[in-house]
Amino acid sequence: MENIKEVISYLEYFEDENRTFYHWDPHETSSEGNIILSYPSYDGGLNSFIDVVYKSGLLMDDYAAHYKGGFPGLTPEKISAADLKELRGMLTFIIRAERFTDGSWAHAAKDKLFYYMLKRLDELYKKKK
């Protein structure tokens, strides 16, 4: 796993209570009459974070074996108790969820799930040193 420090460097970004991580673009109707549903537009920092996570080696192919919950199961308490495999599974779940559910990253940023995951990753990284 490379670039763990770079991933952790986003901790302050997600800690900011006043940051706007995204906005929803309104739905539209095309010239052909097709409805284009609304979708989230993420700010540059969030998109950059996602890119860094993809390049870090933290994401898992078999994440479902290490995290069987869903968004309701992701709580600060569960995240703070997670070992590295569980944490990687949780992170992979959220990152990949955006493919299937627009706004998954928005939810994770707004509810500080990314913040708690990075905080836990930082704790585990410091223990390992």
Protein backbone atom coordinates (compact mmCIF):
# COMPACT_ATOMS: atom_id res chain seq x y z
CA MET A 1 0.00 0.00 0.00
CA GLU A 2 1.53 3.18 -1.21
CA ASN A 3 0.71 6.80 -0.49
CA ILE A 4 -0.99 6.14 2.86
CA LYS A 5 0.36 9.43 4.15
CA GLU A 6 -1.13 11.21 1.14
CA VAL A 7 -4.53 9.65 1.86
CA ILE A 8 -4.29 10.65 5.53
CA SER A 9 -3.38 14.20 4.50
CA TYR A 10 -7.06 14.72 3.59
CA LEU A 11 -8.05 14.44 7.26
CA GLU A 12 -8.14 18.22 7.70
CA TYR A 13 -10.12 18.64 4.48
CA PHE A 14 -12.91 16.36 5.75
CA GLU A 15 -12.79 17.84 9.25
CA ASP A 16 -13.86 21.29 7.99
CA GLU A 17 -17.47 21.78 9.17
CA ASN A 18 -18.08 24.63 6.70
CA ARG A 19 -16.85 22.94 3.54
CA THR A 20 -19.25 22.25 0.70
CA PHE A 21 -18.14 18.93 -0.78
CA TYR A 22 -20.77 18.76 -3.53
CA HIS A 23 -23.92 20.20 -4.99
CA TRP A 24 -26.76 18.51 -6.83
CA ASP A 25 -27.22 19.46 -10.45
CA PRO A 26 -30.92 19.72 -11.25
CA HIS A 27 -32.67 17.28 -13.53
CA GLU A 28 -33.16 18.37 -17.11
CA THR A 29 -35.14 17.43 -20.16
CA SER A 30 -33.12 16.88 -23.33
CA SER A 31 -34.14 18.32 -26.70
CA GLU A 32 -35.48 14.83 -27.53
CA GLY A 33 -37.71 14.92 -24.46
CA ASN A 34 -35.63 12.50 -22.36
CA ILE A 35 -35.33 13.24 -18.66
CA ILE A 36 -31.78 13.49 -17.33
CA LEU A 37 -31.91 12.82 -13.60
CA SER A 38 -30.15 15.06 -11.10
CA TYR A 39 -26.68 14.02 -10.02
CA PRO A 40 -24.02 15.25 -7.60
CA SER A 41 -21.15 17.45 -8.75
CA TYR A 42 -18.20 16.97 -6.42
CA ASP A 43 -15.68 19.67 -5.61
CA GLY A 44 -12.08 19.30 -6.74
CA GLY A 45 -10.85 18.27 -3.29
CA LEU A 46 -13.23 15.34 -3.03
CA ASN A 47 -12.44 14.18 -6.56
CA SER A 48 -8.73 14.47 -5.78
CA PHE A 49 -9.20 12.42 -2.59
CA ILE A 50 -10.97 9.67 -4.52
CA ASP A 51 -8.13 9.59 -7.06
CA VAL A 52 -5.53 9.34 -4.29
CA VAL A 53 -7.44 6.50 -2.62
CA TYR A 54 -7.64 4.59 -5.92
CA LYS A 55 -3.86 4.92 -6.35
CA SER A 56 -3.04 4.08 -2.72
CA GLY A 57 -3.58 0.33 -2.79
CA LEU A 58 -6.09 0.56 0.06
CA LEU A 59 -9.04 -0.66 -1.97
CA MET A 60 -9.81 -4.37 -1.87
CA ASP A 61 -11.20 -6.76 -4.47
CA ASP A 62 -12.75 -8.93 -1.75
CA TYR A 63 -14.05 -6.08 0.42
CA ALA A 64 -17.41 -7.77 0.98
CA ALA A 65 -15.64 -10.50 2.94
CA HIS A 66 -14.33 -7.87 5.39
CA TYR A 67 -17.27 -5.48 5.54
CA LYS A 68 -20.77 -6.89 5.30
CA GLY A 69 -22.71 -3.79 6.38
CA GLY A 70 -24.16 -0.94 4.41
CA PHE A 71 -24.38 2.75 5.04
CA PRO A 72 -26.60 2.25 8.11
CA GLY A 73 -23.90 0.06 9.59
CA LEU A 74 -21.18 2.68 9.21
CA THR A 75 -21.02 4.55 12.49
CA PRO A 76 -18.15 6.47 14.09
CA GLU A 77 -18.04 3.79 16.79
CA LYS A 78 -17.69 0.93 14.29
CA ILE A 79 -15.11 2.81 12.29
CA SER A 80 -13.03 3.68 15.38
CA ALA A 81 -12.97 0.01 16.40
CA ALA A 82 -12.09 -1.35 12.95
CA ASP A 83 -8.84 -3.11 12.23
CA LEU A 84 -7.02 -2.32 8.97
CA LYS A 85 -8.81 -4.99 6.91
CA GLU A 86 -12.24 -3.92 8.14
CA LEU A 87 -11.38 -0.28 7.52
CA ARG A 88 -10.18 -1.02 4.00
CA GLY A 89 -13.42 -2.95 3.39
CA MET A 90 -15.52 -0.02 4.60
CA LEU A 91 -13.58 2.45 2.48
CA THR A 92 -13.83 0.24 -0.60
CA PHE A 93 -17.57 -0.18 -0.03
CA ILE A 94 -18.14 3.59 -0.04
CA ILE A 95 -15.82 4.32 -2.94
CA ARG A 96 -17.42 1.65 -5.12
CA ALA A 97 -20.97 2.47 -4.02
CA GLU A 98 -20.93 5.64 -6.12
CA ARG A 99 -21.09 3.45 -9.25
CA PHE A 100 -24.45 2.12 -8.16
CA THR A 101 -25.90 4.98 -6.13
CA ASP A 102 -25.27 8.58 -7.14
CA GLY A 103 -24.45 10.59 -4.07
CA SER A 104 -22.74 7.89 -2.02
CA TRP A 105 -19.61 10.01 -1.72
CA ALA A 106 -21.75 13.05 -0.84
CA HIS A 107 -23.38 11.09 1.97
CA ALA A 108 -20.01 9.86 3.25
CA ALA A 109 -18.48 13.35 3.19
CA LYS A 110 -21.50 15.10 4.73
CA ASP A 111 -21.87 12.52 7.51
CA LYS A 112 -18.09 12.66 8.17
CA LEU A 113 -17.60 8.98 7.39
CA PHE A 114 -14.50 9.77 5.33
CA TYR A 115 -13.21 11.88 8.23
CA TYR A 116 -13.67 9.06 10.77
CA MET A 117 -12.06 6.56 8.40
CA LEU A 118 -9.04 8.77 7.86
CA LYS A 119 -8.77 9.41 11.59
CA ARG A 120 -8.76 5.65 12.22
CA LEU A 121 -6.30 5.05 9.38
CA ASP A 122 -4.00 7.66 10.92
CA GLU A 123 -4.19 5.91 14.32
CA LEU A 124 -3.39 2.53 12.76
CA TYR A 125 -0.56 4.02 10.68
CA LYS A 126 1.02 5.65 13.77
CA LYS A 127 0.76 2.35 15.74
CA LYS A 128 2.52 0.51 12.96
CA LYS A 129 5.50 2.90 12.93
